[in-house]
PDB file of N, CA and C in Angstrom:
ATOM      1  N   MET A   1      66.349 -71.546  83.332  1.00  0.00           N
ATOM      2  CA  MET A   1      66.598 -72.912  83.740  1.00  0.00           C
ATOM      3  C   MET A   1      65.322 -73.749  83.535  1.00  0.00           C
ATOM      4  N   ARG A   2      65.501 -74.928  83.002  1.00  0.00           N
ATOM      5  CA  ARG A   2      64.370 -75.837  82.791  1.00  0.00           C
ATOM      6  C   ARG A   2      63.858 -76.364  84.115  1.00  0.00           C
ATOM      7  N   GLN A   3      62.571 -76.578  84.147  1.00  0.00           N
ATOM      8  CA  GLN A   3      61.970 -77.189  85.322  1.00  0.00           C
ATOM      9  C   GLN A   3      61.752 -78.670  85.002  1.00  0.00           C
ATOM     10  N   VAL A   4      62.763 -79.458  85.308  1.00  0.00           N
ATOM     11  CA  VAL A   4      62.785 -80.879  84.941  1.00  0.00           C
ATOM     12  C   VAL A   4      61.594 -81.619  85.545  1.00  0.00           C
ATOM     13  N   THR A   5      61.256 -81.310  86.782  1.00  0.00           N
ATOM     14  CA  THR A   5      60.150 -81.998  87.442  1.00  0.00           C
ATOM     15  C   THR A   5      58.842 -81.766  86.679  1.00  0.00           C
ATOM     16  N   ASN A   6      58.574 -80.534  86.269  1.00  0.00           N
ATOM     17  CA  ASN A   6      57.356 -80.235  85.512  1.00  0.00           C
ATOM     18  C   ASN A   6      57.360 -80.932  84.158  1.00  0.00           C
ATOM     19  N   GLU A   7      58.516 -80.961  83.498  1.00  0.00           N
ATOM     20  CA  GLU A   7      58.619 -81.640  82.216  1.00  0.00           C
ATOM     21  C   GLU A   7      58.359 -83.135  82.369  1.00  0.00           C
ATOM     22  N   GLN A   8      58.879 -83.735  83.428  1.00  0.00           N
ATOM     23  CA  GLN A   8      58.666 -85.162  83.662  1.00  0.00           C
ATOM     24  C   GLN A   8      57.188 -85.457  83.911  1.00  0.00           C
ATOM     25  N   LYS A   9      56.516 -84.591  84.661  1.00  0.00           N
ATOM     26  CA  LYS A   9      55.085 -84.768  84.902  1.00  0.00           C
ATOM     27  C   LYS A   9      54.310 -84.674  83.591  1.00  0.00           C
ATOM     28  N   TRP A  10      54.678 -83.705  82.755  1.00  0.00           N
ATOM     29  CA  TRP A  10      53.995 -83.534  81.475  1.00  0.00           C
ATOM     30  C   TRP A  10      54.214 -84.752  80.575  1.00  0.00           C
ATOM     31  N   VAL A  11      55.431 -85.256  80.515  1.00  0.00           N
ATOM     32  CA  VAL A  11      55.730 -86.431  79.692  1.00  0.00           C
ATOM     33  C   VAL A  11      54.933 -87.629  80.193  1.00  0.00           C
ATOM     34  N   LYS A  12      54.813 -87.789  81.494  1.00  0.00           N
ATOM     35  CA  LYS A  12      54.041 -88.909  82.064  1.00  0.00           C
ATOM     36  C   LYS A  12      52.567 -88.805  81.658  1.00  0.00           C
ATOM     37  N   ARG A  13      52.020 -87.580  81.699  1.00  0.00           N
ATOM     38  CA  ARG A  13      50.620 -87.377  81.275  1.00  0.00           C
ATOM     39  C   ARG A  13      50.444 -87.758  79.798  1.00  0.00           C
ATOM     40  N   LEU A  14      51.381 -87.333  78.970  1.00  0.00           N
ATOM     41  CA  LEU A  14      51.279 -87.644  77.544  1.00  0.00           C
ATOM     42  C   LEU A  14      51.436 -89.142  77.282  1.00  0.00           C
ATOM     43  N   GLU A  15      52.273 -89.817  78.058  1.00  0.00           N
ATOM     44  CA  GLU A  15      52.417 -91.272  77.923  1.00  0.00           C
ATOM     45  C   GLU A  15      51.096 -91.966  78.234  1.00  0.00           C
ATOM     46  N   LYS A  16      50.383 -91.475  79.248  1.00  0.00           N
ATOM     47  CA  LYS A  16      49.087 -92.064  79.614  1.00  0.00           C
ATOM     48  C   LYS A  16      48.061 -91.844  78.507  1.00  0.00           C
ATOM     49  N   VAL A  17      48.073 -90.666  77.905  1.00  0.00           N
ATOM     50  CA  VAL A  17      47.163 -90.388  76.784  1.00  0.00           C
ATOM     51  C   VAL A  17      47.496 -91.328  75.626  1.00  0.00           C
ATOM     52  N   GLY A  18      48.766 -91.465  75.325  1.00  0.00           N
ATOM     53  CA  GLY A  18      49.183 -92.372  74.258  1.00  0.00           C
ATOM     54  C   GLY A  18      48.778 -93.810  74.530  1.00  0.00           C
ATOM     55  N   ALA A  19      48.896 -94.245  75.777  1.00  0.00           N
ATOM     56  CA  ALA A  19      48.507 -95.612  76.140  1.00  0.00           C
ATOM     57  C   ALA A  19      47.011 -95.827  75.911  1.00  0.00           C
ATOM     58  N   LEU A  20      46.202 -94.811  76.218  1.00  0.00           N
ATOM     59  CA  LEU A  20      44.762 -94.938  75.977  1.00  0.00           C
ATOM     60  C   LEU A  20      44.485 -95.073  74.483  1.00  0.00           C
ATOM     61  N   PHE A  21      45.136 -94.255  73.663  1.00  0.00           N
ATOM     62  CA  PHE A  21      44.904 -94.347  72.224  1.00  0.00           C
ATOM     63  C   PHE A  21      45.371 -95.690  71.666  1.00  0.00           C
ATOM     64  N   GLU A  22      46.447 -96.230  72.200  1.00  0.00           N
ATOM     65  CA  GLU A  22      46.869 -97.569  71.778  1.00  0.00           C
ATOM     66  C   GLU A  22      45.827 -98.608  72.161  1.00  0.00           C
ATOM     67  N   ALA A  23      45.244 -98.483  73.369  1.00  0.00           N
ATOM     68  CA  ALA A  23      44.199 -99.410  73.806  1.00  0.00           C
ATOM     69  C   ALA A  23      42.973 -99.304  72.896  1.00  0.00           C
ATOM     70  N   LEU A  24      42.605 -98.081  72.543  1.00  0.00           N
ATOM     71  CA  LEU A  24      41.474 -97.898  71.629  1.00  0.00           C
ATOM     72  C   LEU A  24      41.757 -98.565  70.285  1.00  0.00           C
ATOM     73  N   GLY A  25      42.974 -98.426  69.805  1.00  0.00           N
ATOM     74  CA  GLY A  25      43.362 -99.053  68.542  1.00  0.00           C
ATOM     75  C   GLY A  25      43.339-100.562  68.608  1.00  0.00           C
ATOM     76  N   ALA A  26      43.510-101.106  69.815  1.00  0.00           N
ATOM     77  CA  ALA A  26      43.479-102.560  70.005  1.00  0.00           C
ATOM     78  C   ALA A  26      42.071-103.063  70.326  1.00  0.00           C
ATOM     79  N   GLY A  27      41.084-102.155  70.263  1.00  0.00           N
ATOM     80  CA  GLY A  27      39.700-102.576  70.485  1.00  0.00           C
ATOM     81  C   GLY A  27      39.227-102.492  71.918  1.00  0.00           C
ATOM     82  N   ARG A  28      40.039-101.912  72.795  1.00  0.00           N
ATOM     83  CA  ARG A  28      39.608-101.766  74.190  1.00  0.00           C
ATOM     84  C   ARG A  28      39.151-100.333  74.407  1.00  0.00           C
ATOM     85  N   GLY A  29      38.365-100.128  75.477  1.00  0.00           N
ATOM     86  CA  GLY A  29      37.941 -98.772  75.782  1.00  0.00           C
ATOM     87  C   GLY A  29      36.479 -98.649  76.144  1.00  0.00           C
ATOM     88  N   CYS A  30      35.767 -99.778  76.146  1.00  0.00           N
ATOM     89  CA  CYS A  30      34.370 -99.743  76.593  1.00  0.00           C
ATOM     90  C   CYS A  30      34.117-100.925  77.522  1.00  0.00           C
ATOM     91  N   LYS A  31      34.858-100.921  78.605  1.00  0.00           N
ATOM     92  CA  LYS A  31      34.835-101.982  79.603  1.00  0.00           C
ATOM     93  C   LYS A  31      33.418-102.284  80.109  1.00  0.00           C
ATOM     94  N   SER A  32      32.595-101.258  80.257  1.00  0.00           N
ATOM     95  CA  SER A  32      31.266-101.453  80.833  1.00  0.00           C
ATOM     96  C   SER A  32      30.234-101.961  79.825  1.00  0.00           C
ATOM     97  N   LEU A  33      30.629-102.110  78.568  1.00  0.00           N
ATOM     98  CA  LEU A  33      29.728-102.636  77.537  1.00  0.00           C
ATOM     99  C   LEU A  33      30.253-103.977  77.024  1.00  0.00           C
ATOM    100  N   PRO A  34      29.749-105.079  77.546  1.00  0.00           N
ATOM    101  CA  PRO A  34      30.186-106.375  77.019  1.00  0.00           C
ATOM    102  C   PRO A  34      29.905-106.450  75.514  1.00  0.00           C
ATOM    103  N   GLU A  35      30.822-106.986  74.776  1.00  0.00           N
ATOM    104  CA  GLU A  35      30.726-107.121  73.322  1.00  0.00           C
ATOM    105  C   GLU A  35      30.729-105.774  72.607  1.00  0.00           C
ATOM    106  N   GLY A  36      31.093-104.699  73.313  1.00  0.00           N
ATOM    107  CA  GLY A  36      31.099-103.377  72.711  1.00  0.00           C
ATOM    108  C   GLY A  36      32.361-103.107  71.918  1.00  0.00           C
ATOM    109  N   THR A  37      32.205-102.317  70.871  1.00  0.00           N
ATOM    110  CA  THR A  37      33.318-101.890  70.037  1.00  0.00           C
ATOM    111  C   THR A  37      33.252-100.377  69.904  1.00  0.00           C
ATOM    112  N   ILE A  38      34.355 -99.713  70.196  1.00  0.00           N
ATOM    113  CA  ILE A  38      34.411 -98.266  70.042  1.00  0.00           C
ATOM    114  C   ILE A  38      34.380 -97.945  68.553  1.00  0.00           C
ATOM    115  N   THR A  39      33.472 -97.067  68.170  1.00  0.00           N
ATOM    116  CA  THR A  39      33.361 -96.672  66.763  1.00  0.00           C
ATOM    117  C   THR A  39      33.814 -95.242  66.523  1.00  0.00           C
ATOM    118  N   GLU A  40      33.834 -94.435  67.595  1.00  0.00           N
ATOM    119  CA  GLU A  40      34.185 -93.027  67.402  1.00  0.00           C
ATOM    120  C   GLU A  40      34.572 -92.411  68.747  1.00  0.00           C
ATOM    121  N   VAL A  41      35.588 -91.560  68.712  1.00  0.00           N
ATOM    122  CA  VAL A  41      35.977 -90.751  69.868  1.00  0.00           C
ATOM    123  C   VAL A  41      36.143 -89.329  69.359  1.00  0.00           C
ATOM    124  N   ARG A  42      35.411 -88.400  69.982  1.00  0.00           N
ATOM    125  CA  ARG A  42      35.481 -86.991  69.583  1.00  0.00           C
ATOM    126  C   ARG A  42      35.865 -86.127  70.763  1.00  0.00           C
ATOM    127  N   LEU A  43      36.552 -85.048  70.473  1.00  0.00           N
ATOM    128  CA  LEU A  43      36.810 -84.015  71.473  1.00  0.00           C
ATOM    129  C   LEU A  43      36.023 -82.781  71.063  1.00  0.00           C
ATOM    130  N   LEU A  44      35.128 -82.344  71.917  1.00  0.00           N
ATOM    131  CA  LEU A  44      34.398 -81.103  71.676  1.00  0.00           C
ATOM    132  C   LEU A  44      35.080 -80.028  72.498  1.00  0.00           C
ATOM    133  N   MET A  45      35.617 -79.061  71.810  1.00  0.00           N
ATOM    134  CA  MET A  45      36.401 -78.009  72.455  1.00  0.00           C
ATOM    135  C   MET A  45      35.492 -76.978  73.109  1.00  0.00           C
ATOM    136  N   PRO A  46      36.043 -76.183  74.027  1.00  0.00           N
ATOM    137  CA  PRO A  46      35.224 -75.160  74.693  1.00  0.00           C
ATOM    138  C   PRO A  46      34.575 -74.221  73.673  1.00  0.00           C
ATOM    139  N   SER A  47      33.384 -73.765  74.009  1.00  0.00           N
ATOM    140  CA  SER A  47      32.649 -72.850  73.141  1.00  0.00           C
ATOM    141  C   SER A  47      31.837 -71.903  74.006  1.00  0.00           C
ATOM    142  N   GLU A  48      31.004 -71.108  73.381  1.00  0.00           N
ATOM    143  CA  GLU A  48      30.145 -70.197  74.139  1.00  0.00           C
ATOM    144  C   GLU A  48      29.197 -70.964  75.055  1.00  0.00           C
ATOM    145  N   ARG A  49      28.793 -72.151  74.640  1.00  0.00           N
ATOM    146  CA  ARG A  49      27.835 -72.953  75.408  1.00  0.00           C
ATOM    147  C   ARG A  49      28.498 -73.914  76.401  1.00  0.00           C
ATOM    148  N   ARG A  50      29.802 -74.151  76.239  1.00  0.00           N
ATOM    149  CA  ARG A  50      30.469 -75.166  77.059  1.00  0.00           C
ATOM    150  C   ARG A  50      31.851 -74.663  77.431  1.00  0.00           C
ATOM    151  N   ALA A  51      32.142 -74.633  78.732  1.00  0.00           N
ATOM    152  CA  ALA A  51      33.430 -74.112  79.199  1.00  0.00           C
ATOM    153  C   ALA A  51      34.535 -75.163  79.135  1.00  0.00           C
ATOM    154  N   ASP A  52      34.179 -76.433  79.285  1.00  0.00           N
ATOM    155  CA  ASP A  52      35.173 -77.500  79.336  1.00  0.00           C
ATOM    156  C   ASP A  52      35.258 -78.256  78.019  1.00  0.00           C
ATOM    157  N   VAL A  53      36.269 -79.105  77.930  1.00  0.00           N
ATOM    158  CA  VAL A  53      36.424 -80.022  76.805  1.00  0.00           C
ATOM    159  C   VAL A  53      35.604 -81.267  77.116  1.00  0.00           C
ATOM    160  N   LEU A  54      34.867 -81.748  76.141  1.00  0.00           N
ATOM    161  CA  LEU A  54      34.040 -82.937  76.324  1.00  0.00           C
ATOM    162  C   LEU A  54      34.546 -84.040  75.405  1.00  0.00           C
ATOM    163  N   VAL A  55      34.788 -85.220  75.978  1.00  0.00           N
ATOM    164  CA  VAL A  55      35.156 -86.398  75.192  1.00  0.00           C
ATOM    165  C   VAL A  55      33.871 -87.182  74.961  1.00  0.00           C
ATOM    166  N   VAL A  56      33.526 -87.400  73.703  1.00  0.00           N
ATOM    167  CA  VAL A  56      32.334 -88.161  73.338  1.00  0.00           C
ATOM    168  C   VAL A  56      32.814 -89.492  72.767  1.00  0.00           C
ATOM    169  N   VAL A  57      32.389 -90.581  73.394  1.00  0.00           N
ATOM    170  CA  VAL A  57      32.816 -91.921  72.981  1.00  0.00           C
ATOM    171  C   VAL A  57      31.587 -92.678  72.489  1.00  0.00           C
ATOM    172  N   LYS A  58      31.622 -93.105  71.235  1.00  0.00           N
ATOM    173  CA  LYS A  58      30.508 -93.865  70.674  1.00  0.00           C
ATOM    174  C   LYS A  58      30.937 -95.319  70.509  1.00  0.00           C
ATOM    175  N   ALA A  59      30.008 -96.212  70.814  1.00  0.00           N
ATOM    176  CA  ALA A  59      30.286 -97.643  70.730  1.00  0.00           C
ATOM    177  C   ALA A  59      29.066 -98.358  70.168  1.00  0.00           C
ATOM    178  N   SER A  60      29.308 -99.514  69.615  1.00  0.00           N
ATOM    179  CA  SER A  60      28.195-100.328  69.134  1.00  0.00           C
ATOM    180  C   SER A  60      28.329-101.735  69.697  1.00  0.00           C
ATOM    181  N   THR A  61      27.183-102.351  69.902  1.00  0.00           N
ATOM    182  CA  THR A  61      27.099-103.737  70.352  1.00  0.00           C
ATOM    183  C   THR A  61      26.027-104.406  69.499  1.00  0.00           C
ATOM    184  N   PRO A  62      25.884-105.709  69.595  1.00  0.00           N
ATOM    185  CA  PRO A  62      24.779-106.351  68.878  1.00  0.00           C
ATOM    186  C   PRO A  62      23.412-105.800  69.321  1.00  0.00           C
ATOM    187  N   ALA A  63      23.343-105.236  70.529  1.00  0.00           N
ATOM    188  CA  ALA A  63      22.080-104.694  71.047  1.00  0.00           C
ATOM    189  C   ALA A  63      21.794-103.278  70.563  1.00  0.00           C
ATOM    190  N   GLY A  64      22.776-102.587  69.972  1.00  0.00           N
ATOM    191  CA  GLY A  64      22.535-101.236  69.480  1.00  0.00           C
ATOM    192  C   GLY A  64      23.730-100.319  69.630  1.00  0.00           C
ATOM    193  N   LYS A  65      23.457 -99.021  69.480  1.00  0.00           N
ATOM    194  CA  LYS A  65      24.505 -98.008  69.561  1.00  0.00           C
ATOM    195  C   LYS A  65      24.414 -97.284  70.898  1.00  0.00           C
ATOM    196  N   PHE A  66      25.606 -96.955  71.445  1.00  0.00           N
ATOM    197  CA  PHE A  66      25.689 -96.322  72.759  1.00  0.00           C
ATOM    198  C   PHE A  66      26.665 -95.156  72.718  1.00  0.00           C
ATOM    199  N   VAL A  67      26.521 -94.251  73.694  1.00  0.00           N
ATOM    200  CA  VAL A  67      27.398 -93.095  73.796  1.00  0.00           C
ATOM    201  C   VAL A  67      27.748 -92.862  75.259  1.00  0.00           C
ATOM    202  N   GLY A  68      29.002 -92.432  75.489  1.00  0.00           N
ATOM    203  CA  GLY A  68      29.470 -92.106  76.836  1.00  0.00           C
ATOM    204  C   GLY A  68      30.237 -90.796  76.786  1.00  0.00           C
ATOM    205  N   PHE A  69      30.356 -90.149  77.949  1.00  0.00           N
ATOM    206  CA  PHE A  69      30.980 -88.836  78.004  1.00  0.00           C
ATOM    207  C   PHE A  69      31.969 -88.738  79.159  1.00  0.00           C
ATOM    208  N   ALA A  70      33.005 -87.957  78.948  1.00  0.00           N
ATOM    209  CA  ALA A  70      33.936 -87.570  80.007  1.00  0.00           C
ATOM    210  C   ALA A  70      34.362 -86.146  79.684  1.00  0.00           C
ATOM    211  N   GLY A  71      34.696 -85.378  80.692  1.00  0.00           N
ATOM    212  CA  GLY A  71      35.060 -83.995  80.433  1.00  0.00           C
ATOM    213  C   GLY A  71      36.169 -83.519  81.336  1.00  0.00           C
ATOM    214  N   GLY A  72      36.779 -82.426  80.948  1.00  0.00           N
ATOM    215  CA  GLY A  72      37.845 -81.836  81.729  1.00  0.00           C
ATOM    216  C   GLY A  72      38.131 -80.429  81.239  1.00  0.00           C
ATOM    217  N   PRO A  73      38.979 -79.702  81.944  1.00  0.00           N
ATOM    218  CA  PRO A  73      39.249 -78.315  81.588  1.00  0.00           C
ATOM    219  C   PRO A  73      40.077 -78.128  80.309  1.00  0.00           C
ATOM    220  N   ASP A  74      40.781 -79.173  79.896  1.00  0.00           N
ATOM    221  CA  ASP A  74      41.603 -79.108  78.684  1.00  0.00           C
ATOM    222  C   ASP A  74      41.615 -80.492  78.045  1.00  0.00           C
ATOM    223  N   PRO A  75      42.038 -80.608  76.781  1.00  0.00           N
ATOM    224  CA  PRO A  75      41.979 -81.904  76.099  1.00  0.00           C
ATOM    225  C   PRO A  75      42.723 -83.034  76.812  1.00  0.00           C
ATOM    226  N   VAL A  76      43.929 -82.781  77.283  1.00  0.00           N
ATOM    227  CA  VAL A  76      44.709 -83.845  77.929  1.00  0.00           C
ATOM    228  C   VAL A  76      44.014 -84.314  79.209  1.00  0.00           C
ATOM    229  N   THR A  77      43.563 -83.390  80.027  1.00  0.00           N
ATOM    230  CA  THR A  77      42.887 -83.765  81.273  1.00  0.00           C
ATOM    231  C   THR A  77      41.590 -84.516  80.975  1.00  0.00           C
ATOM    232  N   ALA A  78      40.829 -84.078  79.972  1.00  0.00           N
ATOM    233  CA  ALA A  78      39.582 -84.764  79.619  1.00  0.00           C
ATOM    234  C   ALA A  78      39.855 -86.211  79.210  1.00  0.00           C
ATOM    235  N   ILE A  79      40.895 -86.422  78.420  1.00  0.00           N
ATOM    236  CA  ILE A  79      41.243 -87.786  77.997  1.00  0.00           C
ATOM    237  C   ILE A  79      41.718 -88.613  79.194  1.00  0.00           C
ATOM    238  N   LEU A  80      42.478 -88.002  80.093  1.00  0.00           N
ATOM    239  CA  LEU A  80      42.936 -88.723  81.285  1.00  0.00           C
ATOM    240  C   LEU A  80      41.772 -89.090  82.198  1.00  0.00           C
ATOM    241  N   ILE A  81      40.753 -88.253  82.249  1.00  0.00           N
ATOM    242  CA  ILE A  81      39.564 -88.586  83.047  1.00  0.00           C
ATOM    243  C   ILE A  81      38.844 -89.774  82.424  1.00  0.00           C
ATOM    244  N   TYR A  82      38.732 -89.792  81.101  1.00  0.00           N
ATOM    245  CA  TYR A  82      38.157 -90.960  80.423  1.00  0.00           C
ATOM    246  C   TYR A  82      38.974 -92.204  80.748  1.00  0.00           C
ATOM    247  N   ARG A  83      40.292 -92.090  80.691  1.00  0.00           N
ATOM    248  CA  ARG A  83      41.177 -93.215  80.991  1.00  0.00           C
ATOM    249  C   ARG A  83      40.972 -93.710  82.420  1.00  0.00           C
ATOM    250  N   LYS A  84      40.836 -92.777  83.362  1.00  0.00           N
ATOM    251  CA  LYS A  84      40.647 -93.151  84.767  1.00  0.00           C
ATOM    252  C   LYS A  84      39.307 -93.867  84.965  1.00  0.00           C
ATOM    253  N   LYS A  85      38.259 -93.377  84.321  1.00  0.00           N
ATOM    254  CA  LYS A  85      36.956 -94.043  84.418  1.00  0.00           C
ATOM    255  C   LYS A  85      37.043 -95.446  83.835  1.00  0.00           C
ATOM    256  N   GLU A  86      37.730 -95.567  82.723  1.00  0.00           N
ATOM    257  CA  GLU A  86      37.856 -96.866  82.069  1.00  0.00           C
ATOM    258  C   GLU A  86      38.687 -97.834  82.909  1.00  0.00           C
ATOM    259  N   ALA A  87      39.648 -97.318  83.653  1.00  0.00           N
ATOM    260  CA  ALA A  87      40.464 -98.172  84.520  1.00  0.00           C
ATOM    261  C   ALA A  87      39.664 -98.660  85.727  1.00  0.00           C
ATOM    262  N   GLY A  88      38.631 -97.926  86.106  1.00  0.00           N
ATOM    263  CA  GLY A  88      37.771 -98.330  87.224  1.00  0.00           C
ATOM    264  C   GLY A  88      36.688 -99.276  86.729  1.00  0.00           C
ATOM    265  N   SER A  89      35.451 -98.878  86.932  1.00  0.00           N
ATOM    266  CA  SER A  89      34.323 -99.723  86.531  1.00  0.00           C
ATOM    267  C   SER A  89      33.962 -99.552  85.065  1.00  0.00           C
ATOM    268  N   GLY A  90      34.600 -98.602  84.392  1.00  0.00           N
ATOM    269  CA  GLY A  90      34.326 -98.365  82.979  1.00  0.00           C
ATOM    270  C   GLY A  90      33.496 -97.112  82.787  1.00  0.00           C
ATOM    271  N   LEU A  91      33.646 -96.505  81.643  1.00  0.00           N
ATOM    272  CA  LEU A  91      32.870 -95.315  81.294  1.00  0.00           C
ATOM    273  C   LEU A  91      31.401 -95.707  81.233  1.00  0.00           C
ATOM    274  N   LYS A  92      30.540 -94.861  81.749  1.00  0.00           N
ATOM    275  CA  LYS A  92      29.103 -95.148  81.700  1.00  0.00           C
ATOM    276  C   LYS A  92      28.570 -94.786  80.322  1.00  0.00           C
ATOM    277  N   PHE A  93      27.907 -95.745  79.700  1.00  0.00           N
ATOM    278  CA  PHE A  93      27.311 -95.542  78.386  1.00  0.00           C
ATOM    279  C   PHE A  93      25.796 -95.525  78.505  1.00  0.00           C
ATOM    280  N   ARG A  94      25.164 -94.814  77.604  1.00  0.00           N
ATOM    281  CA  ARG A  94      23.714 -94.838  77.495  1.00  0.00           C
ATOM    282  C   ARG A  94      23.374 -95.061  76.024  1.00  0.00           C
ATOM    283  N   GLU A  95      22.153 -95.477  75.787  1.00  0.00           N
ATOM    284  CA  GLU A  95      21.718 -95.706  74.418  1.00  0.00           C
ATOM    285  C   GLU A  95      21.796 -94.395  73.639  1.00  0.00           C
ATOM    286  N   GLU A  96      22.354 -94.466  72.447  1.00  0.00           N
ATOM    287  CA  GLU A  96      22.473 -93.265  71.624  1.00  0.00           C
ATOM    288  C   GLU A  96      21.126 -92.962  70.966  1.00  0.00           C
ATOM    289  N   ARG A  97      20.662 -91.750  71.194  1.00  0.00           N
ATOM    290  CA  ARG A  97      19.419 -91.279  70.588  1.00  0.00           C
ATOM    291  C   ARG A  97      19.684 -89.923  69.942  1.00  0.00           C
ATOM    292  N   PRO A  98      18.990 -89.630  68.863  1.00  0.00           N
ATOM    293  CA  PRO A  98      19.164 -88.306  68.255  1.00  0.00           C
ATOM    294  C   PRO A  98      18.827 -87.212  69.274  1.00  0.00           C
ATOM    295  N   TYR A  99      19.496 -86.077  69.162  1.00  0.00           N
ATOM    296  CA  TYR A  99      19.294 -84.969  70.070  1.00  0.00           C
ATOM    297  C   TYR A  99      17.829 -84.569  70.114  1.00  0.00           C
ATOM    298  N   GLY A 100      17.304 -84.382  71.322  1.00  0.00           N
ATOM    299  CA  GLY A 100      15.934 -83.945  71.494  1.00  0.00           C
ATOM    300  C   GLY A 100      14.945 -85.072  71.739  1.00  0.00           C
ATOM    301  N   GLU A 101      15.363 -86.303  71.604  1.00  0.00           N
ATOM    302  CA  GLU A 101      14.440 -87.419  71.852  1.00  0.00           C
ATOM    303  C   GLU A 101      14.502 -87.896  73.276  1.00  0.00           C
TER     304      GLU A 101
END
């Protein structure tokens, strides 16, 4: 027998992920960076060095390039955490610097 309640919850989660990607396509997604434009969104999957999925969001403004992070135990949850941060005060961005600087 199907578990309709679980399926409905899963569909709702996927709808939220889809809504975020539509917002990104419309140029939204960096609320905390005035004049910011998202240039890249990456998912870094679990590895030997990292247990969780990491969402890396890169943005540019006239002032320079910035990067923000959100993470979760799986890709859908990581994206939903990014969405939740963006719905609040916005994902926190920092100036993008090459690794090690």
